[in-house]
Amino acid sequence: MSSGGGRAFLWLPLNRLKVLKMQEQTIKELRNENDSVGTRRRLEGRRAVVTGASRGIGREIALALARDGADVVINYRSSDEDADELARIVDDLGEQAWVYSADVSEMEQVKEMKRSVEKHMGNVDILVNNAGINRDTLFSKMEESAWKEVFSVNMNGVFNCTRVFLEHLEQSSYPRIINITSIVGQMGNVGQANYAASKAGIIGFTKSLAKELARKGINVNAIAPGFIETDMLSGVPDKIRERIISQIPMRRFGKPEEVARAVVFLASDDADYVTGHVLNVNGGMYL
């Protein structure tokens, strides 16, 4: 699907029955979790935008927000099928999903997304800036294009979405901005100068904006995941994976749902007096 299109939950073709059966298991597990923690839904009646939501950490964030009662705008750039599968699960959990394809690095596309959300869902209360990319290489071999591309999505995307949806948040009774940064932005990493710089920039942006918007009652926080089991990590050779794990006190990689639970906390009333904070979800690798 080309950028700029929005849609509600769509039924999927029958030839994807096997995939849907897998999603049914996910729905059942999520409902069982709801039963196990009681009926309290901390985000009932609120609406959230999650950028980069079709896969990985973003997908789990969208699911966790929906499980706690929020309607969810699923932003993505190119994974139509993944976005629709996620929307189906949100719908089956009893919450509204609005799927929208937009490149967050393009301000005009973000503005179009806002207009679509207003028309079909209304104003949002929670913005989760999760979309991000990496183009890893040693700095001595890094092309200017790799630097600009990473900053365009990771930093400009955060600016674009925050600037555009700020109008909604200023009108909300429970406004939250949650930016997903990275442990790499805190401690650096070989071959990731562009990625580390962009993620460090998000931390500075978060702290500055928290001071600026506190008087308006808008909480602005960041989450810095460590090494999390996602597609980005799956391509790392076993020897390097073992070396990374040896540096993590908890001796394992994190799970996307563990990051998602931190997002729900910061989005809820439980974090009313928390702003300008960077919440580490890294197994103790960086303290």
C-alpha atoms as a PDB file:
ATOM      1  CA  MET A   1       0.000   0.000   0.000  1.00  0.00           C
ATOM      2  CA  SER A   2       1.364   3.440  -0.839  1.00  0.00           C
ATOM      3  CA  SER A   3       2.033   5.956   1.895  1.00  0.00           C
ATOM      4  CA  GLY A   4      -0.843   8.195   2.862  1.00  0.00           C
ATOM      5  CA  GLY A   5      -3.647   5.615   3.076  1.00  0.00           C
ATOM      6  CA  GLY A   6      -5.669   4.933   6.208  1.00  0.00           C
ATOM      7  CA  ARG A   7      -8.166   2.194   6.923  1.00  0.00           C
ATOM      8  CA  ALA A   8     -10.010   0.464   9.698  1.00  0.00           C
ATOM      9  CA  PHE A   9      -9.688  -3.256  10.423  1.00  0.00           C
ATOM     10  CA  LEU A  10     -10.027  -5.351   7.262  1.00  0.00           C
ATOM     11  CA  TRP A  11     -10.944  -9.011   6.953  1.00  0.00           C
ATOM     12  CA  LEU A  12      -8.079 -10.938   5.357  1.00  0.00           C
ATOM     13  CA  PRO A  13      -8.085 -13.488   2.492  1.00  0.00           C
ATOM     14  CA  LEU A  14      -8.869 -17.137   3.247  1.00  0.00           C
ATOM     15  CA  ASN A  15      -5.461 -18.256   1.975  1.00  0.00           C
ATOM     16  CA  ARG A  16      -3.989 -16.745   5.124  1.00  0.00           C
ATOM     17  CA  LEU A  17      -5.969 -19.058   7.421  1.00  0.00           C
ATOM     18  CA  LYS A  18      -2.813 -20.579   8.896  1.00  0.00           C
ATOM     19  CA  VAL A  19      -1.522 -17.162   9.915  1.00  0.00           C
ATOM     20  CA  LEU A  20      -4.874 -16.240  11.409  1.00  0.00           C
ATOM     21  CA  LYS A  21      -4.908 -19.412  13.509  1.00  0.00           C
ATOM     22  CA  MET A  22      -1.565 -18.307  14.952  1.00  0.00           C
ATOM     23  CA  GLN A  23      -3.090 -14.927  15.715  1.00  0.00           C
ATOM     24  CA  GLU A  24      -6.034 -16.615  17.458  1.00  0.00           C
ATOM     25  CA  GLN A  25      -3.525 -18.155  19.859  1.00  0.00           C
ATOM     26  CA  THR A  26      -2.054 -14.693  20.490  1.00  0.00           C
ATOM     27  CA  ILE A  27      -5.518 -13.314  21.229  1.00  0.00           C
ATOM     28  CA  LYS A  28      -6.242 -16.189  23.608  1.00  0.00           C
ATOM     29  CA  GLU A  29      -2.973 -15.604  25.459  1.00  0.00           C
ATOM     30  CA  LEU A  30      -3.674 -11.878  25.775  1.00  0.00           C
ATOM     31  CA  ARG A  31      -7.165 -12.541  27.117  1.00  0.00           C
ATOM     32  CA  ASN A  32      -5.760 -15.027  29.599  1.00  0.00           C
ATOM     33  CA  GLU A  33      -3.329 -12.347  30.781  1.00  0.00           C
ATOM     34  CA  ASN A  34      -6.252  -9.981  31.280  1.00  0.00           C
ATOM     35  CA  ASP A  35      -8.045 -12.588  33.362  1.00  0.00           C
ATOM     36  CA  SER A  36      -4.955 -13.238  35.458  1.00  0.00           C
ATOM     37  CA  VAL A  37      -4.439  -9.573  36.397  1.00  0.00           C
ATOM     38  CA  GLY A  38      -8.093  -8.738  36.991  1.00  0.00           C
ATOM     39  CA  THR A  39     -10.389  -6.370  35.150  1.00  0.00           C
ATOM     40  CA  ARG A  40      -8.551  -3.089  35.694  1.00  0.00           C
ATOM     41  CA  ARG A  41      -7.895  -1.426  32.338  1.00  0.00           C
ATOM     42  CA  ARG A  42      -5.683   1.570  32.937  1.00  0.00           C
ATOM     43  CA  LEU A  43      -6.121   3.151  29.496  1.00  0.00           C
ATOM     44  CA  GLU A  44      -9.868   2.785  29.014  1.00  0.00           C
ATOM     45  CA  GLY A  45     -11.266   5.445  26.686  1.00  0.00           C
ATOM     46  CA  ARG A  46      -7.892   6.731  25.502  1.00  0.00           C
ATOM     47  CA  ARG A  47      -6.467   6.754  22.003  1.00  0.00           C
ATOM     48  CA  ALA A  48      -2.851   6.113  21.095  1.00  0.00           C
ATOM     49  CA  VAL A  49      -0.681   6.531  18.017  1.00  0.00           C
ATOM     50  CA  VAL A  50       2.192   4.055  17.745  1.00  0.00           C
ATOM     51  CA  THR A  51       4.675   4.685  14.933  1.00  0.00           C
ATOM     52  CA  GLY A  52       6.500   1.758  13.388  1.00  0.00           C
ATOM     53  CA  ALA A  53       3.838  -0.479  14.902  1.00  0.00           C
ATOM     54  CA  SER A  54       3.483  -3.354  12.450  1.00  0.00           C
ATOM     55  CA  ARG A  55       6.412  -5.442  13.721  1.00  0.00           C
ATOM     56  CA  GLY A  56       8.793  -6.029  16.606  1.00  0.00           C
ATOM     57  CA  ILE A  57       8.679  -3.765  19.630  1.00  0.00           C
ATOM     58  CA  GLY A  58       6.094  -1.471  18.039  1.00  0.00           C
ATOM     59  CA  ARG A  59       3.696  -4.365  17.512  1.00  0.00           C
ATOM     60  CA  GLU A  60       3.948  -5.424  21.151  1.00  0.00           C
ATOM     61  CA  ILE A  61       3.439  -1.830  22.291  1.00  0.00           C
ATOM     62  CA  ALA A  62       0.235  -1.561  20.257  1.00  0.00           C
ATOM     63  CA  LEU A  63      -1.030  -4.873  21.668  1.00  0.00           C
ATOM     64  CA  ALA A  64      -0.207  -3.918  25.247  1.00  0.00           C
ATOM     65  CA  LEU A  65      -1.970  -0.556  24.920  1.00  0.00           C
ATOM     66  CA  ALA A  66      -5.051  -2.245  23.453  1.00  0.00           C
ATOM     67  CA  ARG A  67      -5.061  -4.904  26.152  1.00  0.00           C
ATOM     68  CA  ASP A  68      -5.220  -2.110  28.723  1.00  0.00           C
ATOM     69  CA  GLY A  69      -8.177  -0.476  26.986  1.00  0.00           C
ATOM     70  CA  ALA A  70      -6.740   1.991  24.465  1.00  0.00           C
ATOM     71  CA  ASP A  71      -7.826   2.397  20.856  1.00  0.00           C
ATOM     72  CA  VAL A  72      -4.745   2.292  18.642  1.00  0.00           C
ATOM     73  CA  VAL A  73      -3.565   3.990  15.465  1.00  0.00           C
ATOM     74  CA  ILE A  74      -1.180   1.534  13.811  1.00  0.00           C
ATOM     75  CA  ASN A  75       1.346   3.522  11.806  1.00  0.00           C
ATOM     76  CA  TYR A  76       3.749   1.715   9.497  1.00  0.00           C
ATOM     77  CA  ARG A  77       5.596   2.351   6.269  1.00  0.00           C
ATOM     78  CA  SER A  78       5.447  -0.797   4.104  1.00  0.00           C
ATOM     79  CA  SER A  79       4.284  -3.965   5.926  1.00  0.00           C
ATOM     80  CA  ASP A  80       0.628  -4.035   4.886  1.00  0.00           C
ATOM     81  CA  GLU A  81      -0.034  -7.638   5.898  1.00  0.00           C
ATOM     82  CA  ASP A  82       1.634  -7.312   9.300  1.00  0.00           C
ATOM     83  CA  ALA A  83      -0.340  -4.136  10.029  1.00  0.00           C
ATOM     84  CA  ASP A  84      -3.636  -5.786   9.087  1.00  0.00           C
ATOM     85  CA  GLU A  85      -2.902  -8.825  11.245  1.00  0.00           C
ATOM     86  CA  LEU A  86      -2.184  -6.559  14.192  1.00  0.00           C
ATOM     87  CA  ALA A  87      -5.385  -4.589  13.566  1.00  0.00           C
ATOM     88  CA  ARG A  88      -7.373  -7.818  13.609  1.00  0.00           C
ATOM     89  CA  ILE A  89      -6.018  -8.728  17.036  1.00  0.00           C
ATOM     90  CA  VAL A  90      -6.745  -5.253  18.422  1.00  0.00           C
ATOM     91  CA  ASP A  91     -10.268  -5.508  17.024  1.00  0.00           C
ATOM     92  CA  ASP A  92     -10.778  -8.933  18.616  1.00  0.00           C
ATOM     93  CA  LEU A  93      -9.595  -7.523  21.935  1.00  0.00           C
ATOM     94  CA  GLY A  94     -12.546  -5.133  21.742  1.00  0.00           C
ATOM     95  CA  GLU A  95     -10.656  -1.954  20.873  1.00  0.00           C
ATOM     96  CA  GLN A  96     -10.704   0.179  17.749  1.00  0.00           C
ATOM     97  CA  ALA A  97      -7.756   0.058  15.357  1.00  0.00           C
ATOM     98  CA  TRP A  98      -7.001   2.517  12.574  1.00  0.00           C
ATOM     99  CA  VAL A  99      -4.254   1.438  10.179  1.00  0.00           C
ATOM    100  CA  TYR A 100      -2.279   4.161   8.427  1.00  0.00           C
ATOM    101  CA  SER A 101       0.724   3.921   6.123  1.00  0.00           C
ATOM    102  CA  ALA A 102       3.005   6.957   6.386  1.00  0.00           C
ATOM    103  CA  ASP A 103       6.708   7.676   6.326  1.00  0.00           C
ATOM    104  CA  VAL A 104       7.242   9.609   9.563  1.00  0.00           C
ATOM    105  CA  SER A 105      10.327  11.297   8.124  1.00  0.00           C
ATOM    106  CA  GLU A 106       8.018  13.197   5.732  1.00  0.00           C
ATOM    107  CA  MET A 107       6.167  16.020   7.489  1.00  0.00           C
ATOM    108  CA  GLU A 108       3.353  16.199   4.920  1.00  0.00           C
ATOM    109  CA  GLN A 109       2.612  12.493   5.300  1.00  0.00           C
ATOM    110  CA  VAL A 110       2.430  12.895   9.079  1.00  0.00           C
ATOM    111  CA  LYS A 111       0.016  15.818   8.659  1.00  0.00           C
ATOM    112  CA  GLU A 112      -2.174  13.668   6.386  1.00  0.00           C
ATOM    113  CA  MET A 113      -2.111  10.906   8.982  1.00  0.00           C
ATOM    114  CA  LYS A 114      -3.291  13.337  11.659  1.00  0.00           C
ATOM    115  CA  ARG A 115      -6.193  14.488   9.476  1.00  0.00           C
ATOM    116  CA  SER A 116      -7.187  10.881   8.834  1.00  0.00           C
ATOM    117  CA  VAL A 117      -7.031  10.014  12.541  1.00  0.00           C
ATOM    118  CA  GLU A 118      -9.150  13.057  13.421  1.00  0.00           C
ATOM    119  CA  LYS A 119     -11.794  12.059  10.903  1.00  0.00           C
ATOM    120  CA  HIS A 120     -12.048   8.395  11.831  1.00  0.00           C
ATOM    121  CA  MET A 121     -11.056   8.212  15.515  1.00  0.00           C
ATOM    122  CA  GLY A 122     -10.886  11.714  16.951  1.00  0.00           C
ATOM    123  CA  ASN A 123      -8.042  13.271  18.913  1.00  0.00           C
ATOM    124  CA  VAL A 124      -5.348  11.121  20.476  1.00  0.00           C
ATOM    125  CA  ASP A 125      -4.071  11.143  24.057  1.00  0.00           C
ATOM    126  CA  ILE A 126      -0.896   9.074  23.757  1.00  0.00           C
ATOM    127  CA  LEU A 127       1.913   9.366  21.209  1.00  0.00           C
ATOM    128  CA  VAL A 128       4.518   6.609  21.103  1.00  0.00           C
ATOM    129  CA  ASN A 129       7.424   7.542  18.833  1.00  0.00           C
ATOM    130  CA  ASN A 130       8.782   4.090  18.103  1.00  0.00           C
ATOM    131  CA  ALA A 131       9.685   4.109  14.390  1.00  0.00           C
ATOM    132  CA  GLY A 132      13.394   3.735  13.793  1.00  0.00           C
ATOM    133  CA  ILE A 133      15.979   2.288  11.413  1.00  0.00           C
ATOM    134  CA  ASN A 134      19.667   1.414  11.477  1.00  0.00           C
ATOM    135  CA  ARG A 135      22.298   1.494   8.752  1.00  0.00           C
ATOM    136  CA  ASP A 136      25.302   0.034  10.557  1.00  0.00           C
ATOM    137  CA  THR A 137      28.884   0.331   9.362  1.00  0.00           C
ATOM    138  CA  LEU A 138      32.205   1.573  10.685  1.00  0.00           C
ATOM    139  CA  PHE A 139      32.369   5.354  10.611  1.00  0.00           C
ATOM    140  CA  SER A 140      35.385   5.298   8.261  1.00  0.00           C
ATOM    141  CA  LYS A 141      33.186   3.528   5.704  1.00  0.00           C
ATOM    142  CA  MET A 142      29.942   5.373   6.377  1.00  0.00           C
ATOM    143  CA  GLU A 143      28.372   7.199   3.442  1.00  0.00           C
ATOM    144  CA  GLU A 144      26.637  10.520   3.989  1.00  0.00           C
ATOM    145  CA  SER A 145      23.402   8.905   2.822  1.00  0.00           C
ATOM    146  CA  ALA A 146      23.517   6.363   5.679  1.00  0.00           C
ATOM    147  CA  TRP A 147      23.933   9.173   8.205  1.00  0.00           C
ATOM    148  CA  LYS A 148      21.122  11.270   6.750  1.00  0.00           C
ATOM    149  CA  GLU A 149      18.704   8.368   6.342  1.00  0.00           C
ATOM    150  CA  VAL A 150      19.006   7.282   9.967  1.00  0.00           C
ATOM    151  CA  PHE A 151      18.577  10.827  11.272  1.00  0.00           C
ATOM    152  CA  SER A 152      15.684  11.451   8.907  1.00  0.00           C
ATOM    153  CA  VAL A 153      13.637   8.627  10.434  1.00  0.00           C
ATOM    154  CA  ASN A 154      14.954   8.407  13.989  1.00  0.00           C
ATOM    155  CA  MET A 155      15.166  12.112  14.827  1.00  0.00           C
ATOM    156  CA  ASN A 156      13.128  13.976  12.216  1.00  0.00           C
ATOM    157  CA  GLY A 157      10.366  11.395  12.575  1.00  0.00           C
ATOM    158  CA  VAL A 158      10.125  12.089  16.293  1.00  0.00           C
ATOM    159  CA  PHE A 159      10.036  15.833  15.648  1.00  0.00           C
ATOM    160  CA  ASN A 160       7.419  15.533  12.897  1.00  0.00           C
ATOM    161  CA  CYS A 161       4.999  13.350  14.851  1.00  0.00           C
ATOM    162  CA  THR A 162       5.381  15.271  18.087  1.00  0.00           C
ATOM    163  CA  ARG A 163       4.977  18.630  16.408  1.00  0.00           C
ATOM    164  CA  VAL A 164       1.915  17.537  14.430  1.00  0.00           C
ATOM    165  CA  PHE A 165       0.082  15.688  17.226  1.00  0.00           C
ATOM    166  CA  LEU A 166       0.929  18.266  19.911  1.00  0.00           C
ATOM    167  CA  GLU A 167      -2.341  20.030  19.158  1.00  0.00           C
ATOM    168  CA  HIS A 168      -4.244  16.884  20.175  1.00  0.00           C
ATOM    169  CA  LEU A 169      -2.182  16.359  23.300  1.00  0.00           C
ATOM    170  CA  GLU A 170      -2.746  19.927  24.463  1.00  0.00           C
ATOM    171  CA  GLN A 171      -6.487  19.211  24.441  1.00  0.00           C
ATOM    172  CA  SER A 172      -6.253  15.826  26.175  1.00  0.00           C
ATOM    173  CA  SER A 173      -6.969  15.190  29.855  1.00  0.00           C
ATOM    174  CA  TYR A 174      -4.294  12.464  29.937  1.00  0.00           C
ATOM    175  CA  PRO A 175      -1.567  13.516  27.496  1.00  0.00           C
ATOM    176  CA  ARG A 176       1.522  11.352  27.140  1.00  0.00           C
ATOM    177  CA  ILE A 177       4.530  11.407  24.811  1.00  0.00           C
ATOM    178  CA  ILE A 178       6.724   8.313  24.999  1.00  0.00           C
ATOM    179  CA  ASN A 179       9.865   8.177  22.877  1.00  0.00           C
ATOM    180  CA  ILE A 180      11.685   4.922  22.219  1.00  0.00           C
ATOM    181  CA  THR A 181      15.424   5.526  22.341  1.00  0.00           C
ATOM    182  CA  SER A 182      18.105   2.841  22.884  1.00  0.00           C
ATOM    183  CA  ILE A 183      20.893   1.695  25.162  1.00  0.00           C
ATOM    184  CA  VAL A 184      23.160   2.454  22.192  1.00  0.00           C
ATOM    185  CA  GLY A 185      22.273   6.126  22.574  1.00  0.00           C
ATOM    186  CA  GLN A 186      23.504   5.964  26.166  1.00  0.00           C
ATOM    187  CA  MET A 187      26.721   3.966  25.865  1.00  0.00           C
ATOM    188  CA  GLY A 188      27.591   4.006  22.141  1.00  0.00           C
ATOM    189  CA  ASN A 189      28.473   1.020  19.979  1.00  0.00           C
ATOM    190  CA  VAL A 190      31.058   0.218  17.337  1.00  0.00           C
ATOM    191  CA  GLY A 191      29.661   0.560  13.841  1.00  0.00           C
ATOM    192  CA  GLN A 192      26.614   2.516  14.975  1.00  0.00           C
ATOM    193  CA  ALA A 193      27.772   6.130  15.175  1.00  0.00           C
ATOM    194  CA  ASN A 194      24.741   7.330  13.199  1.00  0.00           C
ATOM    195  CA  TYR A 195      22.247   5.225  15.158  1.00  0.00           C
ATOM    196  CA  ALA A 196      23.805   6.095  18.528  1.00  0.00           C
ATOM    197  CA  ALA A 197      23.828   9.822  17.755  1.00  0.00           C
ATOM    198  CA  SER A 198      20.174   9.766  16.674  1.00  0.00           C
ATOM    199  CA  LYS A 199      19.070   7.861  19.766  1.00  0.00           C
ATOM    200  CA  ALA A 200      21.107  10.122  22.059  1.00  0.00           C
ATOM    201  CA  GLY A 201      19.376  13.051  20.387  1.00  0.00           C
ATOM    202  CA  ILE A 202      16.010  11.592  21.330  1.00  0.00           C
ATOM    203  CA  ILE A 203      17.059  11.596  24.982  1.00  0.00           C
ATOM    204  CA  GLY A 204      17.986  15.286  24.845  1.00  0.00           C
ATOM    205  CA  PHE A 205      14.764  16.063  23.004  1.00  0.00           C
ATOM    206  CA  THR A 206      12.728  14.189  25.629  1.00  0.00           C
ATOM    207  CA  LYS A 207      14.263  16.015  28.577  1.00  0.00           C
ATOM    208  CA  SER A 208      13.957  19.440  26.969  1.00  0.00           C
ATOM    209  CA  LEU A 209      10.375  18.891  25.877  1.00  0.00           C
ATOM    210  CA  ALA A 210       9.434  17.563  29.320  1.00  0.00           C
ATOM    211  CA  LYS A 211      10.490  20.860  30.888  1.00  0.00           C
ATOM    212  CA  GLU A 212       8.704  22.874  28.219  1.00  0.00           C
ATOM    213  CA  LEU A 213       5.401  20.987  28.301  1.00  0.00           C
ATOM    214  CA  ALA A 214       5.107  20.234  32.018  1.00  0.00           C
ATOM    215  CA  ARG A 215       3.150  23.452  32.601  1.00  0.00           C
ATOM    216  CA  LYS A 216       0.606  22.172  30.072  1.00  0.00           C
ATOM    217  CA  GLY A 217       0.243  18.887  31.927  1.00  0.00           C
ATOM    218  CA  ILE A 218       1.892  16.827  29.176  1.00  0.00           C
ATOM    219  CA  ASN A 219       4.199  14.089  30.416  1.00  0.00           C
ATOM    220  CA  VAL A 220       7.185  13.371  28.161  1.00  0.00           C
ATOM    221  CA  ASN A 221       9.342  10.327  28.833  1.00  0.00           C
ATOM    222  CA  ALA A 222      11.630   7.926  27.009  1.00  0.00           C
ATOM    223  CA  ILE A 223      12.335   4.230  27.179  1.00  0.00           C
ATOM    224  CA  ALA A 224      15.802   2.908  26.396  1.00  0.00           C
ATOM    225  CA  PRO A 225      15.608  -0.782  25.500  1.00  0.00           C
ATOM    226  CA  GLY A 226      18.728  -2.889  25.682  1.00  0.00           C
ATOM    227  CA  PHE A 227      19.279  -5.763  23.300  1.00  0.00           C
ATOM    228  CA  ILE A 228      15.801  -7.104  22.517  1.00  0.00           C
ATOM    229  CA  GLU A 229      14.851 -10.237  20.556  1.00  0.00           C
ATOM    230  CA  THR A 230      13.603  -8.659  17.324  1.00  0.00           C
ATOM    231  CA  ASP A 231      14.347  -9.019  13.618  1.00  0.00           C
ATOM    232  CA  MET A 232      17.168  -6.507  14.051  1.00  0.00           C
ATOM    233  CA  LEU A 233      18.934  -8.843  16.492  1.00  0.00           C
ATOM    234  CA  SER A 234      18.101 -12.119  14.746  1.00  0.00           C
ATOM    235  CA  GLY A 235      20.690 -11.494  12.035  1.00  0.00           C
ATOM    236  CA  VAL A 236      23.559 -11.135  14.513  1.00  0.00           C
ATOM    237  CA  PRO A 237      26.026 -14.075  14.363  1.00  0.00           C
ATOM    238  CA  ASP A 238      25.939 -16.527  17.295  1.00  0.00           C
ATOM    239  CA  LYS A 239      29.415 -15.640  18.549  1.00  0.00           C
ATOM    240  CA  ILE A 240      28.523 -11.960  18.774  1.00  0.00           C
ATOM    241  CA  ARG A 241      25.205 -12.822  20.464  1.00  0.00           C
ATOM    242  CA  GLU A 242      27.080 -14.831  23.086  1.00  0.00           C
ATOM    243  CA  ARG A 243      29.489 -11.942  23.640  1.00  0.00           C
ATOM    244  CA  ILE A 244      26.609  -9.516  24.136  1.00  0.00           C
ATOM    245  CA  ILE A 245      24.807 -11.823  26.575  1.00  0.00           C
ATOM    246  CA  SER A 246      27.994 -12.148  28.625  1.00  0.00           C
ATOM    247  CA  GLN A 247      27.812  -8.364  29.221  1.00  0.00           C
ATOM    248  CA  ILE A 248      24.193  -8.460  30.435  1.00  0.00           C
ATOM    249  CA  PRO A 249      23.908  -9.161  34.190  1.00  0.00           C
ATOM    250  CA  MET A 250      20.590 -10.983  33.669  1.00  0.00           C
ATOM    251  CA  ARG A 251      22.297 -13.186  31.039  1.00  0.00           C
ATOM    252  CA  ARG A 252      19.561 -12.998  28.412  1.00  0.00           C
ATOM    253  CA  PHE A 253      18.145 -10.717  25.761  1.00  0.00           C
ATOM    254  CA  GLY A 254      14.988  -8.786  26.508  1.00  0.00           C
ATOM    255  CA  LYS A 255      11.572  -9.490  25.057  1.00  0.00           C
ATOM    256  CA  PRO A 256       9.503  -6.938  23.093  1.00  0.00           C
ATOM    257  CA  GLU A 257       6.602  -7.382  25.511  1.00  0.00           C
ATOM    258  CA  GLU A 258       8.848  -6.281  28.390  1.00  0.00           C
ATOM    259  CA  VAL A 259       9.420  -2.966  26.638  1.00  0.00           C
ATOM    260  CA  ALA A 260       5.690  -2.741  25.906  1.00  0.00           C
ATOM    261  CA  ARG A 261       4.778  -3.112  29.584  1.00  0.00           C
ATOM    262  CA  ALA A 262       7.060  -0.173  30.385  1.00  0.00           C
ATOM    263  CA  VAL A 263       5.205   1.909  27.780  1.00  0.00           C
ATOM    264  CA  VAL A 264       1.843   1.051  29.358  1.00  0.00           C
ATOM    265  CA  PHE A 265       3.162   2.163  32.756  1.00  0.00           C
ATOM    266  CA  LEU A 266       4.311   5.535  31.414  1.00  0.00           C
ATOM    267  CA  ALA A 267       1.037   5.967  29.509  1.00  0.00           C
ATOM    268  CA  SER A 268      -1.102   5.246  32.585  1.00  0.00           C
ATOM    269  CA  ASP A 269      -2.127   7.292  35.615  1.00  0.00           C
ATOM    270  CA  ASP A 270       0.485   5.330  37.584  1.00  0.00           C
ATOM    271  CA  ALA A 271       3.092   7.626  35.994  1.00  0.00           C
ATOM    272  CA  ASP A 272       1.277  10.920  36.626  1.00  0.00           C
ATOM    273  CA  TYR A 273       4.288  12.442  38.409  1.00  0.00           C
ATOM    274  CA  VAL A 274       6.926  11.040  36.044  1.00  0.00           C
ATOM    275  CA  THR A 275       8.287  13.272  33.293  1.00  0.00           C
ATOM    276  CA  GLY A 276      11.661  13.819  31.644  1.00  0.00           C
ATOM    277  CA  HIS A 277      12.701  10.311  32.655  1.00  0.00           C
ATOM    278  CA  VAL A 278      14.584   7.697  30.633  1.00  0.00           C
ATOM    279  CA  LEU A 279      13.404   4.264  31.722  1.00  0.00           C
ATOM    280  CA  ASN A 280      16.025   1.584  31.053  1.00  0.00           C
ATOM    281  CA  VAL A 281      14.782  -1.861  30.011  1.00  0.00           C
ATOM    282  CA  ASN A 282      18.136  -3.542  29.517  1.00  0.00           C
ATOM    283  CA  GLY A 283      18.684  -6.369  32.027  1.00  0.00           C
ATOM    284  CA  GLY A 284      21.233  -4.274  33.915  1.00  0.00           C
ATOM    285  CA  MET A 285      23.633  -3.830  30.984  1.00  0.00           C
ATOM    286  CA  TYR A 286      23.739  -0.051  31.452  1.00  0.00           C
ATOM    287  CA  LEU A 287      23.031   1.538  34.834  1.00  0.00           C
END
